[in-house]
Protein backbone atom coordinates (compact mmCIF):
# COMPACT_ATOMS: atom_id res chain seq x y z
CA UNK A 1 29.30 167.42 87.12
CA UNK A 2 31.66 167.34 84.13
CA UNK A 3 32.14 163.69 83.15
CA UNK A 4 35.43 162.70 81.50
CA UNK A 5 36.66 159.16 80.82
CA UNK A 6 40.37 158.41 80.54
CA UNK A 7 41.19 156.00 77.74
CA UNK A 8 43.63 154.43 80.21
CA UNK A 9 40.73 152.02 80.70
CA UNK A 10 41.62 150.60 77.27
CA UNK A 11 45.38 151.07 77.40
CA UNK A 12 46.08 147.58 75.99
CA UNK A 13 43.75 148.14 73.02
CA UNK A 14 44.16 150.33 69.98
CA UNK A 15 42.18 153.56 70.17
CA UNK A 16 40.10 153.06 67.03
CA UNK A 17 37.15 154.91 65.51
CA UNK A 18 34.96 151.98 66.57
CA UNK A 19 36.08 152.35 70.20
CA UNK A 20 35.37 156.09 70.11
CA UNK A 21 31.90 155.34 68.78
CA UNK A 22 31.29 152.95 71.71
CA UNK A 23 32.35 155.64 74.19
CA UNK A 24 30.05 158.19 72.56
CA UNK A 25 27.13 155.72 72.62
CA UNK A 26 27.66 155.34 76.37
CA UNK A 27 26.71 159.04 76.70
CA UNK A 28 30.18 159.99 77.91
CA UNK A 29 30.78 163.49 76.49
CA UNK A 30 34.55 163.88 76.93
CA UNK A 31 37.74 161.85 77.17
CA UNK A 32 41.31 162.09 78.34
CA UNK A 33 43.45 160.30 75.77
CA UNK A 34 46.42 158.41 77.17
CA UNK A 35 49.55 158.84 75.04
CA UNK A 36 50.90 155.32 74.81
CA UNK A 37 51.90 154.58 71.24
CA UNK A 38 50.43 151.08 70.97
CA UNK A 39 47.14 152.62 72.14
CA UNK A 40 47.30 156.07 70.53
CA UNK A 41 50.29 156.85 68.34
CA UNK A 42 50.58 160.58 68.87
CA UNK A 43 53.64 160.61 66.60
CA UNK A 44 51.71 159.31 63.58
CA UNK A 45 50.02 162.25 61.86
CA UNK A 46 47.71 160.12 59.72
CA UNK A 47 46.38 158.31 62.79
CA UNK A 48 45.87 161.60 64.61
CA UNK A 49 43.97 163.05 61.62
CA UNK A 50 41.76 159.98 61.32
CA UNK A 51 40.80 160.14 64.97
CA UNK A 52 40.26 163.90 64.76
CA UNK A 53 37.57 163.31 62.16
CA UNK A 54 35.91 160.64 64.26
CA UNK A 55 35.93 162.79 67.40
CA UNK A 56 34.10 165.45 65.40
CA UNK A 57 31.59 162.98 63.93
CA UNK A 58 30.80 161.49 67.33
CA UNK A 59 30.69 164.92 68.99
CA UNK A 60 33.13 163.54 71.54
CA UNK A 61 35.29 166.21 73.13
CA UNK A 62 38.97 165.70 73.96
CA UNK A 63 39.29 167.30 77.38
CA UNK A 64 42.94 166.40 77.92
CA UNK A 65 45.87 164.26 76.88
CA UNK A 66 47.92 162.31 79.37
CA UNK A 67 51.58 162.79 78.48
CA UNK A 68 53.57 159.63 77.71
CA UNK A 69 55.11 158.06 80.79
CA UNK A 70 57.06 155.15 79.30
CA UNK A 71 58.89 154.17 76.16
CA UNK A 72 58.46 150.78 74.53
CA UNK A 73 55.38 149.72 76.51
CA UNK A 74 54.09 146.44 75.08
CA UNK A 75 50.86 144.52 75.75
CA UNK A 76 50.99 142.54 78.96
CA UNK A 77 53.58 144.80 80.60
CA UNK A 78 52.75 147.47 83.14
CA UNK A 79 55.61 149.76 82.17
CA UNK A 80 58.56 150.28 79.86
CA UNK A 81 61.56 152.59 80.10
CA UNK A 82 60.37 155.66 82.05
CA UNK A 83 60.15 159.14 80.56
CA UNK A 84 61.16 161.65 83.22
CA UNK A 85 61.34 165.45 83.03
CA UNK A 86 63.59 165.51 86.09
CA UNK A 87 66.12 162.94 84.91
CA UNK A 88 69.59 164.02 86.03
CA UNK A 89 71.10 162.68 82.82
CA UNK A 90 70.80 165.61 80.41
CA UNK A 91 70.46 163.53 77.23
CA UNK A 92 67.63 161.44 78.65
CA UNK A 93 65.93 164.57 80.01
CA UNK A 94 66.08 166.34 76.65
CA UNK A 95 64.73 163.21 75.01
CA UNK A 96 61.83 163.26 77.49
CA UNK A 97 61.09 166.90 76.67
CA UNK A 98 61.07 166.09 72.95
CA UNK A 99 58.63 163.24 73.55
CA UNK A 100 56.26 165.49 75.48
CA UNK A 101 56.48 168.09 72.70
CA UNK A 102 55.37 165.45 70.20
CA UNK A 103 52.30 164.81 72.33
CA UNK A 104 51.58 168.55 72.58
CA UNK A 105 51.71 168.83 68.79
CA UNK A 106 48.52 166.76 68.68
CA UNK A 107 46.71 169.98 69.69
CA UNK A 108 47.44 171.34 66.20
CA UNK A 109 45.04 168.69 64.83
CA UNK A 110 42.87 167.68 67.81
CA UNK A 111 42.29 170.61 70.17
CA UNK A 112 42.49 169.84 73.89
CA UNK A 113 42.79 172.04 76.94
CA UNK A 114 45.10 170.22 79.36
CA UNK A 115 48.16 168.01 79.17
CA UNK A 116 48.39 165.89 82.32
CA UNK A 117 52.06 165.48 83.12
CA UNK A 118 54.02 163.29 85.55
CA UNK A 119 57.06 165.04 86.96
CA UNK A 120 59.16 161.91 87.48
CA UNK A 121 58.71 158.36 88.76
CA UNK A 122 57.58 156.91 92.07
CA UNK A 123 61.20 156.04 92.86
CA UNK A 124 62.43 159.63 92.58
CA UNK A 125 63.44 161.39 95.79
CA UNK A 126 62.94 165.15 96.29
CA UNK A 127 66.57 165.81 95.40
CA UNK A 128 67.14 169.57 94.73
CA UNK A 129 68.94 168.63 91.52
CA UNK A 130 65.78 166.92 90.28
CA UNK A 131 63.73 170.04 90.94
CA UNK A 132 66.29 172.06 88.96
CA UNK A 133 66.02 169.56 86.12
CA UNK A 134 62.21 169.72 86.24
CA UNK A 135 62.36 173.52 86.06
CA UNK A 136 64.64 173.37 83.03
CA UNK A 137 62.21 170.99 81.29
CA UNK A 138 58.99 172.76 82.18
CA UNK A 139 60.23 176.29 81.53
CA UNK A 140 60.47 175.32 77.88
CA UNK A 141 57.40 173.07 77.73
CA UNK A 142 55.14 175.67 79.38
CA UNK A 143 55.78 178.08 76.48
CA UNK A 144 55.48 175.33 73.86
CA UNK A 145 52.12 174.28 75.32
CA UNK A 146 50.76 177.81 75.60
CA UNK A 147 51.49 178.44 71.92
CA UNK A 148 49.09 175.55 71.18
CA UNK A 149 46.38 176.62 73.58
CA UNK A 150 47.25 173.95 76.14
CA UNK A 151 47.85 174.21 79.89
CA UNK A 152 50.19 171.70 81.53
CA UNK A 153 48.67 170.15 84.66
CA UNK A 154 51.20 168.40 86.89
CA UNK A 155 49.81 165.27 88.53
CA UNK A 156 50.43 164.26 92.14
CA UNK A 157 51.92 160.77 92.00
CA UNK A 158 52.93 158.16 94.61
CA UNK A 159 56.32 158.63 96.23
CA UNK A 160 58.27 161.44 97.84
CA UNK A 161 58.72 163.71 94.83
CA UNK A 162 55.40 164.80 93.33
CA UNK A 163 53.31 165.24 96.46
CA UNK A 164 50.60 167.91 96.35
CA UNK A 165 52.55 170.12 98.72
CA UNK A 166 55.80 169.74 96.74
CA UNK A 167 54.06 170.54 93.46
CA UNK A 168 52.51 173.66 94.92
CA UNK A 169 55.87 174.81 96.30
CA UNK A 170 57.53 174.11 92.94
CA UNK A 171 55.06 176.33 91.07
CA UNK A 172 55.34 179.12 93.65
CA UNK A 173 59.14 179.10 93.78
CA UNK A 174 59.77 178.81 90.03
CA UNK A 175 57.10 181.39 89.08
CA UNK A 176 55.98 179.11 86.23
CA UNK A 177 52.61 180.76 86.58
CA UNK A 178 50.89 178.98 83.69
CA UNK A 179 51.36 175.55 85.27
CA UNK A 180 48.37 174.01 87.01
CA UNK A 181 47.67 170.71 88.79
CA UNK A 182 45.77 167.50 88.14
CA UNK A 183 44.48 166.17 91.46
CA UNK A 184 44.68 162.37 91.49
CA UNK A 185 42.31 161.18 94.21
CA UNK A 186 43.63 157.62 94.33
CA UNK A 187 47.24 158.76 94.67
CA UNK A 188 46.31 161.24 97.40
CA UNK A 189 44.61 158.44 99.32
CA UNK A 190 47.84 156.41 99.25
CA UNK A 191 49.87 159.30 100.60
CA UNK A 192 48.69 162.22 102.76
CA UNK A 193 44.94 161.67 102.51
CA UNK A 194 42.41 163.03 100.02
CA UNK A 195 40.82 165.88 101.97
CA UNK A 196 44.09 167.22 103.36
CA UNK A 197 45.79 167.03 99.97
CA UNK A 198 43.00 168.81 98.13
CA UNK A 199 42.83 171.52 100.75
CA UNK A 200 46.55 172.19 100.19
CA UNK A 201 46.29 172.74 96.43
CA UNK A 202 42.62 173.26 95.56
CA UNK A 203 42.90 176.63 93.84
CA UNK A 204 45.58 175.28 91.47
CA UNK A 205 43.60 172.20 90.43
CA UNK A 206 42.05 172.32 86.94
CA UNK A 207 41.34 168.63 86.33
CA UNK A 208 41.28 165.34 88.24
CA UNK A 209 41.83 161.61 88.14
CA UNK A 210 39.10 159.67 89.91
CA UNK A 211 39.71 156.09 91.02
CA UNK A 212 39.86 153.99 94.18
CA UNK A 213 42.30 151.72 96.01
CA UNK A 214 42.91 150.19 99.43
CA UNK A 215 45.64 152.64 100.41
CA UNK A 216 48.64 150.50 99.53
CA UNK A 217 48.74 149.85 95.76
CA UNK A 218 47.79 152.02 92.80
CA UNK A 219 44.91 149.74 91.82
CA UNK A 220 42.75 152.15 89.76
CA UNK A 221 39.52 150.56 90.96
CA UNK A 222 36.02 151.81 90.43
CA UNK A 223 35.02 154.31 93.14
CA UNK A 224 33.39 152.46 96.05
CA UNK A 225 35.45 149.30 95.34
CA UNK A 226 38.37 150.40 97.57
CA UNK A 227 38.37 152.13 100.95
CA UNK A 228 38.32 155.81 100.01
CA UNK A 229 35.55 157.57 101.91
CA UNK A 230 33.70 159.07 98.94
CA UNK A 231 31.21 161.00 101.07
CA UNK A 232 34.05 162.93 102.72
CA UNK A 233 35.95 163.26 99.43
CA UNK A 234 32.97 164.74 97.60
CA UNK A 235 32.17 167.04 100.50
CA UNK A 236 35.74 168.39 100.39
CA UNK A 237 35.62 168.87 96.62
CA UNK A 238 31.96 169.83 96.17
CA UNK A 239 32.53 173.55 95.75
CA UNK A 240 35.14 173.03 93.03
CA UNK A 241 33.21 170.29 91.20
CA UNK A 242 29.98 172.28 91.22
CA UNK A 243 31.96 175.24 89.85
CA UNK A 244 33.10 173.17 86.88
CA UNK A 245 36.10 171.07 87.98
CA UNK A 246 36.02 167.98 85.68
CA UNK A 247 35.86 164.49 87.20
CA UNK A 248 38.01 162.28 84.97
CA UNK A 249 37.52 158.60 85.68
CA UNK A 250 40.85 156.75 85.32
CA UNK A 251 40.37 152.98 85.64
CA UNK A 252 42.32 149.85 84.83
CA UNK A 253 40.35 147.41 82.69
CA UNK A 254 41.59 144.44 84.71
CA UNK A 255 40.51 146.18 87.93
CA UNK A 256 36.81 146.07 87.07
CA UNK A 257 35.51 143.18 89.22
CA UNK A 258 33.21 140.63 87.65
CA UNK A 259 33.45 142.06 84.14
CA UNK A 260 34.43 140.33 80.95
CA UNK A 261 37.69 142.02 79.95
CA UNK A 262 36.82 141.49 76.30
CA UNK A 263 33.61 143.47 76.64
CA UNK A 264 34.02 147.19 75.98
CA UNK A 265 30.29 147.61 76.48
CA UNK A 266 30.42 146.15 79.99
CA UNK A 267 33.36 148.36 80.95
CA UNK A 268 31.60 151.48 79.69
CA UNK A 269 28.39 150.49 81.46
CA UNK A 270 30.36 150.26 84.72
CA UNK A 271 31.94 153.67 84.09
CA UNK A 272 28.59 155.28 83.37
CA UNK A 273 27.08 153.68 86.46
CA UNK A 274 29.76 155.05 88.76
CA UNK A 275 29.41 158.52 87.20
CA UNK A 276 25.70 158.35 88.05
CA UNK A 277 26.48 157.30 91.61
CA UNK A 278 29.07 160.05 92.13
CA UNK A 279 26.73 162.64 90.70
CA UNK A 280 23.92 161.58 93.01
CA UNK A 281 26.27 161.61 96.01
CA UNK A 282 27.47 165.05 94.99
CA UNK A 283 23.89 166.29 94.75
CA UNK A 284 23.36 165.13 98.34
CA UNK A 285 26.31 167.21 99.53
CA UNK A 286 25.96 170.78 100.72
CA UNK A 287 28.77 172.81 99.15
CA UNK A 288 31.10 173.96 101.89
CA UNK A 289 34.45 175.78 101.99
CA UNK A 290 36.82 173.85 99.76
CA UNK A 291 39.60 176.35 99.31
CA UNK A 292 38.98 176.03 95.57
CA UNK A 293 37.86 178.39 92.92
CA UNK A 294 36.49 177.86 89.46
CA UNK A 295 39.22 176.15 87.42
CA UNK A 296 41.15 178.43 85.10
CA UNK A 297 43.57 177.58 82.35
């Protein structure tokens, strides 16, 4: 099983060389770096270069970047002004595209394979005008990403817009054939169900977000702390995971029960423990038809 840890776990901390060293010492081989400027300032070339050197020293691989989702996010707040590729206001949409391009430019210094991208916000409806706006944004970004060796992976998110089925239909109808999908297990659980959702899009999925909830709020809990049935989930995904589909753990620091929030070591110990548990559960599964193939970029 490919283990990846999203730095979303430390979103309210600065991504420093010391933090990267802690992650590497926890025997976690790869990360998804969350592009939130107070955490990782993807616009600041000197910061990017400094972290590039430390990634190399620690032999820590950057599997993916998560595209910025909000402007002006500050500590203690869950969100700022949203960045949306399907904004109907052209100026705001072009500004969003420019912001995503700045994140993609990180690949010129720190190579990574996937950019995980939200299409819009949870409040967006599947308005045809929004799909047209998304096409306009992604037609350009797909080329920009490919020139840097990056594949954009659209993430299924809560709400009516970016459901797994809608994302699949969008890719098929627009013929943006280099786009792929990031399957968010927690979001799928809140909407149409994990197994059904993965079955609908499996062959387009190249990376994942792994976390738990109780079906109502996007809690980003440790697996087995919510009510997702992980035995059924892993059975549905076993073929793809055993073929190389990465399992990227995306947790909220404050959602780790019983842990000292100030303790990076404790948080990483919990992450490593749940990786071990998922891997053992996966080993107990017999690979069955998953509708998935080996991920491709």
